[in-house]
Amino acid sequence: MTFQWWHVLVALLPMLPTFWSIVHVWSHEFASPQQRALWLVLVVFLPVLGGLIYIFTGRKKALRTL
């Protein structure tokens, strides 16, 4: 089997929600520092699932951009 460019795409595509969620959590303010830390821990330790949970529920809890 030879290495193709789309192998990288297939490997990185599920990680896009995780990367986006980390950037969004880091660049937005939350009601408390503990809430921000909880979201970061969830997204980092449950990579694909945590990112999707944040996108559908946690994104609405972010108050404003820093």
N, C-alpha and C. Protein backbone atom coordinates (compact mmCIF):
# COMPACT_ATOMS: atom_id res chain seq x y z
N MET A 1 0.84 -1.18 0.00
CA MET A 1 0.00 0.00 0.00
C MET A 1 0.89 1.25 0.00
N THR A 2 0.58 2.19 -0.86
CA THR A 2 1.36 3.42 -0.94
C THR A 2 0.65 4.53 -0.20
N PHE A 3 1.44 5.46 0.25
CA PHE A 3 0.92 6.61 0.99
C PHE A 3 0.35 7.63 0.01
N GLN A 4 -0.86 8.05 0.25
CA GLN A 4 -1.53 9.04 -0.60
C GLN A 4 -1.84 10.28 0.21
N TRP A 5 -2.08 11.41 -0.45
CA TRP A 5 -2.37 12.67 0.23
C TRP A 5 -3.68 12.61 1.01
N TRP A 6 -4.63 11.83 0.52
CA TRP A 6 -5.93 11.79 1.18
C TRP A 6 -5.88 11.01 2.49
N HIS A 7 -4.84 10.26 2.73
CA HIS A 7 -4.70 9.59 4.03
C HIS A 7 -4.57 10.62 5.15
N VAL A 8 -3.83 11.69 4.87
CA VAL A 8 -3.68 12.77 5.85
C VAL A 8 -5.03 13.44 6.08
N LEU A 9 -5.76 13.68 5.02
CA LEU A 9 -7.08 14.31 5.13
C LEU A 9 -8.03 13.45 5.96
N VAL A 10 -8.04 12.18 5.71
CA VAL A 10 -8.91 11.26 6.46
C VAL A 10 -8.53 11.22 7.93
N ALA A 11 -7.25 11.33 8.23
CA ALA A 11 -6.78 11.30 9.61
C ALA A 11 -7.08 12.61 10.33
N LEU A 12 -6.98 13.76 9.65
CA LEU A 12 -7.16 15.05 10.29
C LEU A 12 -8.60 15.55 10.31
N LEU A 13 -9.43 15.08 9.42
CA LEU A 13 -10.81 15.55 9.34
C LEU A 13 -11.59 15.38 10.64
N PRO A 14 -11.52 14.25 11.32
CA PRO A 14 -12.25 14.13 12.59
C PRO A 14 -11.71 15.04 13.69
N MET A 15 -10.47 15.51 13.55
CA MET A 15 -9.87 16.37 14.57
C MET A 15 -10.22 17.85 14.40
N LEU A 16 -10.82 18.24 13.29
CA LEU A 16 -11.16 19.64 13.07
C LEU A 16 -12.07 20.21 14.14
N PRO A 17 -13.14 19.51 14.57
CA PRO A 17 -13.95 20.08 15.66
C PRO A 17 -13.15 20.29 16.95
N THR A 18 -12.21 19.42 17.22
CA THR A 18 -11.39 19.56 18.42
C THR A 18 -10.50 20.80 18.33
N PHE A 19 -9.81 20.96 17.21
CA PHE A 19 -8.95 22.13 17.04
C PHE A 19 -9.75 23.42 17.12
N TRP A 20 -10.89 23.46 16.44
CA TRP A 20 -11.73 24.66 16.45
C TRP A 20 -12.23 24.96 17.86
N SER A 21 -12.64 23.93 18.59
CA SER A 21 -13.15 24.11 19.95
C SER A 21 -12.09 24.65 20.89
N ILE A 22 -10.86 24.15 20.78
CA ILE A 22 -9.78 24.64 21.63
C ILE A 22 -9.53 26.12 21.36
N VAL A 23 -9.48 26.51 20.11
CA VAL A 23 -9.26 27.92 19.76
C VAL A 23 -10.42 28.78 20.26
N HIS A 24 -11.65 28.29 20.12
CA HIS A 24 -12.83 29.05 20.54
C HIS A 24 -12.86 29.22 22.06
N VAL A 25 -12.59 28.16 22.80
CA VAL A 25 -12.58 28.25 24.26
C VAL A 25 -11.48 29.21 24.72
N TRP A 26 -10.32 29.12 24.10
CA TRP A 26 -9.19 29.95 24.50
C TRP A 26 -9.43 31.43 24.21
N SER A 27 -10.17 31.74 23.15
CA SER A 27 -10.33 33.13 22.74
C SER A 27 -11.63 33.77 23.23
N HIS A 28 -12.43 33.06 23.99
CA HIS A 28 -13.69 33.60 24.50
C HIS A 28 -13.69 33.58 26.03
N GLU A 29 -14.53 34.41 26.58
CA GLU A 29 -14.65 34.50 28.02
C GLU A 29 -15.87 33.69 28.48
N PHE A 30 -15.78 33.14 29.68
CA PHE A 30 -16.87 32.36 30.25
C PHE A 30 -17.28 32.95 31.59
N ALA A 31 -18.35 32.45 32.16
CA ALA A 31 -18.86 32.97 33.43
C ALA A 31 -17.83 32.82 34.55
N SER A 32 -17.04 31.77 34.50
CA SER A 32 -16.02 31.56 35.53
C SER A 32 -14.80 30.88 34.90
N PRO A 33 -13.63 31.05 35.52
CA PRO A 33 -12.44 30.36 35.01
C PRO A 33 -12.58 28.83 35.08
N GLN A 34 -13.33 28.36 36.06
CA GLN A 34 -13.53 26.91 36.20
C GLN A 34 -14.32 26.35 35.02
N GLN A 35 -15.28 27.12 34.52
CA GLN A 35 -16.07 26.66 33.39
C GLN A 35 -15.20 26.56 32.13
N ARG A 36 -14.33 27.54 31.95
CA ARG A 36 -13.41 27.50 30.81
C ARG A 36 -12.47 26.31 30.93
N ALA A 37 -11.93 26.08 32.11
CA ALA A 37 -11.02 24.96 32.33
C ALA A 37 -11.73 23.62 32.10
N LEU A 38 -12.96 23.52 32.54
CA LEU A 38 -13.73 22.29 32.34
C LEU A 38 -13.91 22.00 30.85
N TRP A 39 -14.24 23.02 30.07
CA TRP A 39 -14.41 22.82 28.63
C TRP A 39 -13.10 22.42 27.98
N LEU A 40 -12.01 23.05 28.37
CA LEU A 40 -10.71 22.70 27.79
C LEU A 40 -10.33 21.26 28.12
N VAL A 41 -10.55 20.85 29.37
CA VAL A 41 -10.24 19.47 29.76
C VAL A 41 -11.10 18.49 28.98
N LEU A 42 -12.39 18.78 28.82
CA LEU A 42 -13.28 17.90 28.08
C LEU A 42 -12.84 17.76 26.62
N VAL A 43 -12.53 18.88 26.00
CA VAL A 43 -12.15 18.86 24.59
C VAL A 43 -10.80 18.18 24.38
N VAL A 44 -9.86 18.39 25.28
CA VAL A 44 -8.53 17.81 25.10
C VAL A 44 -8.51 16.32 25.39
N PHE A 45 -9.22 15.88 26.42
CA PHE A 45 -9.15 14.47 26.81
C PHE A 45 -10.18 13.58 26.12
N LEU A 46 -11.18 14.16 25.50
CA LEU A 46 -12.12 13.40 24.66
C LEU A 46 -12.11 14.06 23.28
N PRO A 47 -11.06 13.86 22.51
CA PRO A 47 -10.82 14.70 21.34
C PRO A 47 -12.00 14.89 20.39
N VAL A 48 -12.46 13.91 19.72
CA VAL A 48 -13.52 14.13 18.72
C VAL A 48 -14.85 14.36 19.41
N LEU A 49 -15.19 13.53 20.35
CA LEU A 49 -16.47 13.65 21.05
C LEU A 49 -16.56 14.95 21.85
N GLY A 50 -15.50 15.31 22.55
CA GLY A 50 -15.49 16.54 23.32
C GLY A 50 -15.64 17.77 22.45
N GLY A 51 -15.00 17.77 21.29
CA GLY A 51 -15.15 18.88 20.36
C GLY A 51 -16.57 19.02 19.85
N LEU A 52 -17.20 17.91 19.54
CA LEU A 52 -18.59 17.96 19.06
C LEU A 52 -19.55 18.39 20.17
N ILE A 53 -19.32 17.92 21.39
CA ILE A 53 -20.17 18.34 22.51
C ILE A 53 -20.03 19.84 22.73
N TYR A 54 -18.81 20.35 22.65
CA TYR A 54 -18.62 21.79 22.83
C TYR A 54 -19.31 22.59 21.73
N ILE A 55 -19.19 22.15 20.50
CA ILE A 55 -19.81 22.88 19.39
C ILE A 55 -21.31 22.95 19.56
N PHE A 56 -21.94 21.86 19.98
CA PHE A 56 -23.40 21.85 20.06
C PHE A 56 -23.96 22.42 21.36
N THR A 57 -23.19 22.41 22.46
CA THR A 57 -23.73 22.91 23.73
C THR A 57 -22.91 24.02 24.36
N GLY A 58 -21.60 23.87 24.39
CA GLY A 58 -20.75 24.81 25.12
C GLY A 58 -20.54 26.14 24.43
N ARG A 59 -20.61 26.14 23.10
CA ARG A 59 -20.37 27.37 22.35
C ARG A 59 -21.35 28.47 22.75
N LYS A 60 -22.56 28.09 23.11
CA LYS A 60 -23.59 29.05 23.51
C LYS A 60 -23.31 29.65 24.89
N LYS A 61 -22.48 28.99 25.67
CA LYS A 61 -22.16 29.46 27.02
C LYS A 61 -21.01 30.48 27.04
N ALA A 62 -20.31 30.60 25.93
CA ALA A 62 -19.21 31.58 25.83
C ALA A 62 -19.83 32.97 25.80
N LEU A 63 -19.27 33.88 26.61
CA LEU A 63 -19.85 35.20 26.76
C LEU A 63 -19.42 36.15 25.66
N ARG A 64 -18.14 36.38 25.53
CA ARG A 64 -17.64 37.32 24.53
C ARG A 64 -16.19 37.03 24.23
N THR A 65 -15.71 37.66 23.18
CA THR A 65 -14.32 37.50 22.78
C THR A 65 -13.42 38.30 23.69
N LEU A 66 -12.29 37.74 24.04
CA LEU A 66 -11.32 38.46 24.88
C LEU A 66 -10.69 39.61 24.15
